[in-house]
C-alpha atoms as a PDB file:
ATOM      1  CA  MET A   1     229.421 115.028  45.103  1.00  0.00           C
ATOM      2  CA  ALA A   2     229.443 111.568  43.580  1.00  0.00           C
ATOM      3  CA  ASN A   3     228.413 109.451  46.572  1.00  0.00           C
ATOM      4  CA  ASP A   4     225.095 107.845  45.608  1.00  0.00           C
ATOM      5  CA  ALA A   5     224.930 104.112  45.034  1.00  0.00           C
ATOM      6  CA  GLU A   6     223.816 104.519  41.443  1.00  0.00           C
ATOM      7  CA  ASP A   7     226.997 106.442  40.649  1.00  0.00           C
ATOM      8  CA  PHE A   8     229.300 103.483  41.270  1.00  0.00           C
ATOM      9  CA  ALA A   9     226.803 100.658  40.679  1.00  0.00           C
ATOM     10  CA  GLN A  10     227.663 100.890  36.980  1.00  0.00           C
ATOM     11  CA  PHE A  11     231.079  99.446  37.796  1.00  0.00           C
ATOM     12  CA  GLY A  12     229.671  96.341  39.456  1.00  0.00           C
ATOM     13  CA  ILE A  13     231.381  96.992  42.802  1.00  0.00           C
ATOM     14  CA  SER A  14     230.002  97.391  46.297  1.00  0.00           C
ATOM     15  CA  LYS A  15     230.085 100.574  48.367  1.00  0.00           C
ATOM     16  CA  GLU A  16     232.686  98.939  50.612  1.00  0.00           C
ATOM     17  CA  GLU A  17     234.920  98.207  47.606  1.00  0.00           C
ATOM     18  CA  LYS A  18     234.511 101.740  46.336  1.00  0.00           C
ATOM     19  CA  ASP A  19     235.314 103.252  49.739  1.00  0.00           C
ATOM     20  CA  LYS A  20     238.379 101.030  50.029  1.00  0.00           C
ATOM     21  CA  LEU A  21     239.686 102.189  46.633  1.00  0.00           C
ATOM     22  CA  VAL A  22     239.107 105.841  47.522  1.00  0.00           C
ATOM     23  CA  GLY A  23     240.965 105.299  50.801  1.00  0.00           C
ATOM     24  CA  GLU A  24     243.890 103.657  49.006  1.00  0.00           C
ATOM     25  CA  VAL A  25     244.197 106.585  46.590  1.00  0.00           C
ATOM     26  CA  ILE A  26     244.070 109.081  49.464  1.00  0.00           C
ATOM     27  CA  ARG A  27     246.750 107.190  51.404  1.00  0.00           C
ATOM     28  CA  TYR A  28     248.941 107.009  48.316  1.00  0.00           C
ATOM     29  CA  VAL A  29     248.647 110.764  47.717  1.00  0.00           C
ATOM     30  CA  LEU A  30     249.341 111.702  51.353  1.00  0.00           C
ATOM     31  CA  PHE A  31     252.321 109.377  51.797  1.00  0.00           C
ATOM     32  CA  LYS A  32     253.832 110.114  48.384  1.00  0.00           C
ATOM     33  CA  THR A  33     253.541 113.867  48.978  1.00  0.00           C
ATOM     34  CA  HIS A  34     255.278 113.508  52.336  1.00  0.00           C
ATOM     35  CA  HIS A  35     258.079 111.219  51.175  1.00  0.00           C
ATOM     36  CA  THR A  36     258.892 113.185  48.004  1.00  0.00           C
ATOM     37  CA  SER A  37     258.806 116.663  49.602  1.00  0.00           C
ATOM     38  CA  GLY A  38     255.695 117.666  47.667  1.00  0.00           C
ATOM     39  CA  CYS A  39     256.776 116.589  44.183  1.00  0.00           C
ATOM     40  CA  PRO A  40     253.848 116.220  41.740  1.00  0.00           C
ATOM     41  CA  ILE A  41     252.133 112.841  41.553  1.00  0.00           C
ATOM     42  CA  LYS A  42     251.340 111.536  38.086  1.00  0.00           C
ATOM     43  CA  ARG A  43     247.747 110.595  37.379  1.00  0.00           C
ATOM     44  CA  GLU A  44     248.919 107.283  35.941  1.00  0.00           C
ATOM     45  CA  GLU A  45     250.277 106.356  39.385  1.00  0.00           C
ATOM     46  CA  LEU A  46     246.831 106.868  40.928  1.00  0.00           C
ATOM     47  CA  THR A  47     245.226 104.982  38.065  1.00  0.00           C
ATOM     48  CA  GLN A  48     247.465 102.008  38.787  1.00  0.00           C
ATOM     49  CA  VAL A  49     246.309 101.971  42.425  1.00  0.00           C
ATOM     50  CA  VAL A  50     242.803 101.256  41.108  1.00  0.00           C
ATOM     51  CA  THR A  51     243.577  99.029  38.132  1.00  0.00           C
ATOM     52  CA  LYS A  52     245.830  96.577  39.965  1.00  0.00           C
ATOM     53  CA  ASN A  53     242.648  94.704  40.991  1.00  0.00           C
ATOM     54  CA  TYR A  54     239.883  96.327  38.933  1.00  0.00           C
ATOM     55  CA  HIS A  55     239.733  96.772  35.175  1.00  0.00           C
ATOM     56  CA  GLN A  56     236.583  98.831  34.571  1.00  0.00           C
ATOM     57  CA  ARG A  57     237.586 101.550  32.137  1.00  0.00           C
ATOM     58  CA  SER A  58     236.027 104.602  33.825  1.00  0.00           C
ATOM     59  CA  LEU A  59     236.547 103.480  37.425  1.00  0.00           C
ATOM     60  CA  PRO A  60     239.933 105.220  37.996  1.00  0.00           C
ATOM     61  CA  ALA A  61     238.528 108.641  37.047  1.00  0.00           C
ATOM     62  CA  PHE A  62     235.539 108.112  39.345  1.00  0.00           C
ATOM     63  CA  VAL A  63     237.695 107.023  42.295  1.00  0.00           C
ATOM     64  CA  ILE A  64     240.220 109.835  41.810  1.00  0.00           C
ATOM     65  CA  ASN A  65     237.445 112.445  41.710  1.00  0.00           C
ATOM     66  CA  GLU A  66     235.910 111.110  44.916  1.00  0.00           C
ATOM     67  CA  ALA A  67     239.348 111.040  46.540  1.00  0.00           C
ATOM     68  CA  LYS A  68     239.729 114.722  45.617  1.00  0.00           C
ATOM     69  CA  ASP A  69     236.391 115.492  47.299  1.00  0.00           C
ATOM     70  CA  LYS A  70     237.351 113.675  50.515  1.00  0.00           C
ATOM     71  CA  LEU A  71     240.821 115.207  50.644  1.00  0.00           C
ATOM     72  CA  SER A  72     239.116 118.588  50.615  1.00  0.00           C
ATOM     73  CA  SER A  73     236.226 117.897  53.008  1.00  0.00           C
ATOM     74  CA  VAL A  74     238.075 115.672  55.500  1.00  0.00           C
ATOM     75  CA  PHE A  75     241.764 116.619  55.292  1.00  0.00           C
ATOM     76  CA  GLY A  76     241.536 120.235  54.160  1.00  0.00           C
ATOM     77  CA  TYR A  77     243.667 119.772  51.036  1.00  0.00           C
ATOM     78  CA  GLU A  78     242.988 120.753  47.456  1.00  0.00           C
ATOM     79  CA  MET A  79     244.319 118.103  45.098  1.00  0.00           C
ATOM     80  CA  LYS A  80     245.216 120.464  42.296  1.00  0.00           C
ATOM     81  CA  GLU A  81     245.916 119.391  38.740  1.00  0.00           C
ATOM     82  CA  LEU A  82     249.032 120.945  37.230  1.00  0.00           C
ATOM     83  CA  GLN A  83     249.015 122.378  33.730  1.00  0.00           C
ATOM     84  CA  ARG A  84     252.574 121.628  32.733  1.00  0.00           C
ATOM     85  CA  ALA A  85     254.472 124.673  31.513  1.00  0.00           C
ATOM     86  CA  GLN A  86     256.798 124.338  28.532  1.00  0.00           C
ATOM     87  CA  PRO A  87     260.233 125.971  28.305  1.00  0.00           C
ATOM     88  CA  SER A  88     259.965 129.157  26.255  1.00  0.00           C
ATOM     89  CA  SER A  89     262.389 127.844  23.642  1.00  0.00           C
ATOM     90  CA  LYS A  90     260.062 124.896  22.972  1.00  0.00           C
ATOM     91  CA  ALA A  91     256.686 126.595  23.441  1.00  0.00           C
ATOM     92  CA  GLN A  92     256.092 127.357  19.756  1.00  0.00           C
ATOM     93  CA  THR A  93     257.010 123.832  18.674  1.00  0.00           C
ATOM     94  CA  ARG A  94     254.864 122.350  21.411  1.00  0.00           C
ATOM     95  CA  ALA A  95     251.884 124.489  20.471  1.00  0.00           C
ATOM     96  CA  SER A  96     251.909 122.934  17.014  1.00  0.00           C
ATOM     97  CA  GLN A  97     251.815 119.425  18.514  1.00  0.00           C
ATOM     98  CA  GLN A  98     248.457 119.449  20.246  1.00  0.00           C
ATOM     99  CA  SER A  99     248.155 115.672  20.070  1.00  0.00           C
ATOM    100  CA  GLY A 100     251.216 115.188  22.272  1.00  0.00           C
ATOM    101  CA  ALA A 101     249.564 116.265  25.519  1.00  0.00           C
ATOM    102  CA  ASP A 102     251.618 115.979  28.694  1.00  0.00           C
ATOM    103  CA  PRO A 103     250.447 113.493  31.324  1.00  0.00           C
ATOM    104  CA  LYS A 104     248.384 114.951  34.154  1.00  0.00           C
ATOM    105  CA  SER A 105     249.859 115.349  37.615  1.00  0.00           C
ATOM    106  CA  TYR A 106     248.628 116.588  40.983  1.00  0.00           C
ATOM    107  CA  ILE A 107     249.900 118.424  44.043  1.00  0.00           C
ATOM    108  CA  LEU A 108     248.314 118.988  47.447  1.00  0.00           C
ATOM    109  CA  ILE A 109     247.598 122.555  48.566  1.00  0.00           C
ATOM    110  CA  SER A 110     246.403 123.316  52.084  1.00  0.00           C
ATOM    111  CA  GLN A 111     243.037 125.061  52.301  1.00  0.00           C
ATOM    112  CA  LEU A 112     243.751 126.362  55.796  1.00  0.00           C
ATOM    113  CA  PRO A 113     244.079 130.118  56.317  1.00  0.00           C
ATOM    114  CA  PRO A 114     247.758 131.127  56.000  1.00  0.00           C
ATOM    115  CA  ASP A 115     248.097 132.116  59.679  1.00  0.00           C
ATOM    116  CA  VAL A 116     246.584 128.832  60.892  1.00  0.00           C
ATOM    117  CA  TYR A 117     248.737 126.813  58.474  1.00  0.00           C
ATOM    118  CA  GLU A 118     251.892 128.582  59.615  1.00  0.00           C
ATOM    119  CA  LYS A 119     251.065 128.108  63.314  1.00  0.00           C
ATOM    120  CA  TYR A 120     249.959 124.477  63.318  1.00  0.00           C
ATOM    121  CA  VAL A 121     251.317 122.809  60.172  1.00  0.00           C
ATOM    122  CA  VAL A 122     254.634 124.357  59.140  1.00  0.00           C
ATOM    123  CA  ASP A 123     257.606 122.379  60.431  1.00  0.00           C
ATOM    124  CA  ALA A 124     260.225 124.772  61.782  1.00  0.00           C
ATOM    125  CA  LYS A 125     262.920 122.250  60.829  1.00  0.00           C
ATOM    126  CA  THR A 126     262.126 122.634  57.125  1.00  0.00           C
ATOM    127  CA  ALA A 127     261.018 126.274  57.059  1.00  0.00           C
ATOM    128  CA  HIS A 128     264.428 127.343  55.709  1.00  0.00           C
ATOM    129  CA  LEU A 129     263.734 125.334  52.530  1.00  0.00           C
ATOM    130  CA  SER A 130     260.575 127.353  51.939  1.00  0.00           C
ATOM    131  CA  GLY A 131     262.665 130.499  52.265  1.00  0.00           C
ATOM    132  CA  PHE A 132     265.201 129.119  49.795  1.00  0.00           C
ATOM    133  CA  THR A 133     262.402 128.315  47.346  1.00  0.00           C
ATOM    134  CA  PHE A 134     260.990 131.818  47.598  1.00  0.00           C
ATOM    135  CA  VAL A 135     264.411 133.445  47.165  1.00  0.00           C
ATOM    136  CA  VAL A 136     265.312 131.425  44.064  1.00  0.00           C
ATOM    137  CA  ILE A 137     261.904 132.042  42.480  1.00  0.00           C
ATOM    138  CA  SER A 138     262.314 135.773  43.203  1.00  0.00           C
ATOM    139  CA  ILE A 139     265.740 135.842  41.550  1.00  0.00           C
ATOM    140  CA  VAL A 140     264.429 134.127  38.421  1.00  0.00           C
ATOM    141  CA  HIS A 141     261.360 136.382  38.404  1.00  0.00           C
ATOM    142  CA  LEU A 142     263.564 139.496  38.578  1.00  0.00           C
ATOM    143  CA  ALA A 143     265.542 138.127  35.629  1.00  0.00           C
ATOM    144  CA  GLY A 144     262.370 138.067  33.545  1.00  0.00           C
ATOM    145  CA  GLY A 145     261.314 134.505  34.321  1.00  0.00           C
ATOM    146  CA  LYS A 146     264.398 132.875  32.827  1.00  0.00           C
ATOM    147  CA  ILE A 147     268.041 133.016  33.862  1.00  0.00           C
ATOM    148  CA  PRO A 148     271.284 131.365  32.654  1.00  0.00           C
ATOM    149  CA  GLU A 149     272.685 128.827  35.097  1.00  0.00           C
ATOM    150  CA  ASP A 150     275.939 130.724  35.617  1.00  0.00           C
ATOM    151  CA  ILE A 151     274.104 133.977  36.436  1.00  0.00           C
ATOM    152  CA  LEU A 152     271.849 132.197  38.936  1.00  0.00           C
ATOM    153  CA  TRP A 153     274.876 130.717  40.700  1.00  0.00           C
ATOM    154  CA  SER A 154     276.497 134.145  40.684  1.00  0.00           C
ATOM    155  CA  GLN A 155     273.471 135.546  42.543  1.00  0.00           C
ATOM    156  CA  LEU A 156     273.480 132.644  44.995  1.00  0.00           C
ATOM    157  CA  ARG A 157     277.185 133.218  45.698  1.00  0.00           C
ATOM    158  CA  ARG A 158     276.418 136.818  46.628  1.00  0.00           C
ATOM    159  CA  MET A 159     274.152 135.405  49.349  1.00  0.00           C
ATOM    160  CA  GLY A 160     276.754 132.910  50.520  1.00  0.00           C
ATOM    161  CA  LEU A 161     274.837 129.997  49.007  1.00  0.00           C
ATOM    162  CA  ALA A 162     277.421 128.741  46.538  1.00  0.00           C
ATOM    163  CA  LEU A 163     278.597 125.997  48.878  1.00  0.00           C
ATOM    164  CA  GLY A 164     277.134 122.744  47.649  1.00  0.00           C
ATOM    165  CA  GLU A 165     277.407 123.683  43.978  1.00  0.00           C
ATOM    166  CA  ASN A 166     280.005 120.931  43.672  1.00  0.00           C
ATOM    167  CA  GLU A 167     280.896 118.754  46.667  1.00  0.00           C
ATOM    168  CA  GLY A 168     280.619 121.293  49.473  1.00  0.00           C
ATOM    169  CA  SER A 169     277.798 121.443  51.977  1.00  0.00           C
ATOM    170  CA  HIS A 170     276.076 124.565  53.309  1.00  0.00           C
ATOM    171  CA  PRO A 171     275.595 124.429  57.116  1.00  0.00           C
ATOM    172  CA  VAL A 172     271.849 125.135  56.803  1.00  0.00           C
ATOM    173  CA  PHE A 173     270.771 124.089  53.304  1.00  0.00           C
ATOM    174  CA  GLY A 174     273.126 121.154  52.832  1.00  0.00           C
ATOM    175  CA  ASN A 175     274.040 120.567  49.203  1.00  0.00           C
ATOM    176  CA  VAL A 176     272.672 123.662  47.462  1.00  0.00           C
ATOM    177  CA  LYS A 177     272.859 122.053  44.031  1.00  0.00           C
ATOM    178  CA  GLN A 178     270.606 119.257  45.264  1.00  0.00           C
ATOM    179  CA  ALA A 179     268.250 121.789  46.846  1.00  0.00           C
ATOM    180  CA  LEU A 180     268.044 123.563  43.492  1.00  0.00           C
ATOM    181  CA  GLU A 181     267.381 120.272  41.701  1.00  0.00           C
ATOM    182  CA  LEU A 182     264.523 119.565  44.128  1.00  0.00           C
ATOM    183  CA  LEU A 183     262.848 122.800  42.963  1.00  0.00           C
ATOM    184  CA  VAL A 184     262.964 121.364  39.435  1.00  0.00           C
ATOM    185  CA  GLN A 185     261.417 118.081  40.595  1.00  0.00           C
ATOM    186  CA  GLN A 186     258.745 119.998  42.507  1.00  0.00           C
ATOM    187  CA  ARG A 187     258.005 121.985  39.305  1.00  0.00           C
ATOM    188  CA  TYR A 188     258.835 125.418  40.690  1.00  0.00           C
ATOM    189  CA  LEU A 189     261.612 125.583  38.088  1.00  0.00           C
ATOM    190  CA  GLN A 190     262.394 123.849  34.834  1.00  0.00           C
ATOM    191  CA  LYS A 191     265.679 123.536  32.971  1.00  0.00           C
ATOM    192  CA  ASP A 192     266.033 124.438  29.334  1.00  0.00           C
ATOM    193  CA  LYS A 193     269.152 123.827  27.240  1.00  0.00           C
ATOM    194  CA  VAL A 194     269.405 126.306  24.360  1.00  0.00           C
ATOM    195  CA  ASN A 195     271.785 126.086  21.411  1.00  0.00           C
ATOM    196  CA  GLY A 196     273.658 129.287  20.648  1.00  0.00           C
ATOM    197  CA  PRO A 197     276.711 130.558  18.748  1.00  0.00           C
ATOM    198  CA  GLU A 198     278.956 129.612  21.672  1.00  0.00           C
ATOM    199  CA  GLY A 199     277.397 126.205  22.278  1.00  0.00           C
ATOM    200  CA  ASN A 200     274.703 125.007  24.655  1.00  0.00           C
ATOM    201  CA  THR A 201     273.554 127.239  27.509  1.00  0.00           C
ATOM    202  CA  LEU A 202     271.523 125.869  30.400  1.00  0.00           C
ATOM    203  CA  TYR A 203     268.721 128.125  31.636  1.00  0.00           C
ATOM    204  CA  TYR A 204     266.531 127.913  34.709  1.00  0.00           C
ATOM    205  CA  GLU A 205     262.987 129.043  33.989  1.00  0.00           C
ATOM    206  CA  LEU A 206     259.854 129.432  36.123  1.00  0.00           C
ATOM    207  CA  ALA A 207     257.636 126.340  35.947  1.00  0.00           C
ATOM    208  CA  GLU A 208     253.920 125.931  36.589  1.00  0.00           C
ATOM    209  CA  ARG A 209     253.974 126.051  40.396  1.00  0.00           C
ATOM    210  CA  ALA A 210     255.899 129.344  40.387  1.00  0.00           C
ATOM    211  CA  LEU A 211     253.635 130.696  37.640  1.00  0.00           C
ATOM    212  CA  ASP A 212     250.462 129.771  39.547  1.00  0.00           C
ATOM    213  CA  ALA A 213     248.549 132.974  40.322  1.00  0.00           C
ATOM    214  CA  PRO A 214     248.725 132.877  44.175  1.00  0.00           C
ATOM    215  CA  MET A 215     252.483 132.183  44.222  1.00  0.00           C
ATOM    216  CA  ASN A 216     253.168 134.669  41.424  1.00  0.00           C
ATOM    217  CA  ASP A 217     251.200 137.365  43.248  1.00  0.00           C
ATOM    218  CA  ARG A 218     253.080 136.698  46.508  1.00  0.00           C
ATOM    219  CA  VAL A 219     256.430 137.001  44.749  1.00  0.00           C
ATOM    220  CA  LYS A 220     255.445 140.260  43.051  1.00  0.00           C
ATOM    221  CA  GLU A 221     254.108 141.721  46.294  1.00  0.00           C
ATOM    222  CA  TYR A 222     257.230 140.761  48.213  1.00  0.00           C
ATOM    223  CA  ILE A 223     259.617 142.128  45.605  1.00  0.00           C
ATOM    224  CA  SER A 224     257.702 145.414  45.523  1.00  0.00           C
ATOM    225  CA  GLN A 225     258.310 145.778  49.283  1.00  0.00           C
ATOM    226  CA  VAL A 226     262.068 145.220  49.076  1.00  0.00           C
ATOM    227  CA  VAL A 227     263.821 148.563  49.050  1.00  0.00           C
ATOM    228  CA  PHE A 228     267.465 147.650  48.475  1.00  0.00           C
ATOM    229  CA  LEU A 229     267.187 145.330  45.501  1.00  0.00           C
ATOM    230  CA  ASP A 230     270.900 145.775  44.772  1.00  0.00           C
ATOM    231  CA  ASN A 231     271.646 143.740  47.926  1.00  0.00           C
ATOM    232  CA  PRO A 232     270.167 140.265  47.405  1.00  0.00           C
ATOM    233  CA  ILE A 233     271.077 139.224  50.954  1.00  0.00           C
ATOM    234  CA  ILE A 234     268.010 141.196  52.079  1.00  0.00           C
ATOM    235  CA  LEU A 235     265.833 138.777  50.111  1.00  0.00           C
ATOM    236  CA  LEU A 236     267.165 135.887  52.155  1.00  0.00           C
ATOM    237  CA  VAL A 237     267.283 137.483  55.601  1.00  0.00           C
ATOM    238  CA  SER A 238     263.807 138.994  55.544  1.00  0.00           C
ATOM    239  CA  ILE A 239     261.913 135.803  54.665  1.00  0.00           C
END
């Protein structure tokens, strides 16, 4: 772990200054994660926390790495870097443009055992949103990882979740369209507009957080345990 004086002495700052910068980055990550419902935080945002008063070129990377260490050892969170997934219709084009790398972003993942996290951390008032997330990801997964917008809404209607698609409001989930859009902002889903013979078609596709191995494995395991797959209501009720 990069804690020795010689590691940050190269930047011409004191240990107190270094610790203050690390603390500011940690506070930014914790508060931003809370206020944006876990949406990814861009690395450039964290860089700006450091560079607003310091201009040493390699200092942001050093501070961010130490913040990651302390978030893990003190707060029990992994600050995980996201490898941004590309919509399938653009993947081939993107692969040929290696110089146009996407900016890095981070999310916080609890390192607590699942049973401890569920007992002491999960807020019962927002647990229904986690269920909604899991259901939508499962629907898209069952569709092969990509589903037209109209088909997704058709499946949601079968579960009584169509309210909120326009101006209505579901009694539990509120505006369902906004809840779906939050999954895009959180990078569980991504939207892809594809040109076809009949015009543009909007698809929802699994994004990097849904494709991450632990989440992907949970979805596959859950789906394999569902007996009556022809009744999607079971997906919602049993979560």
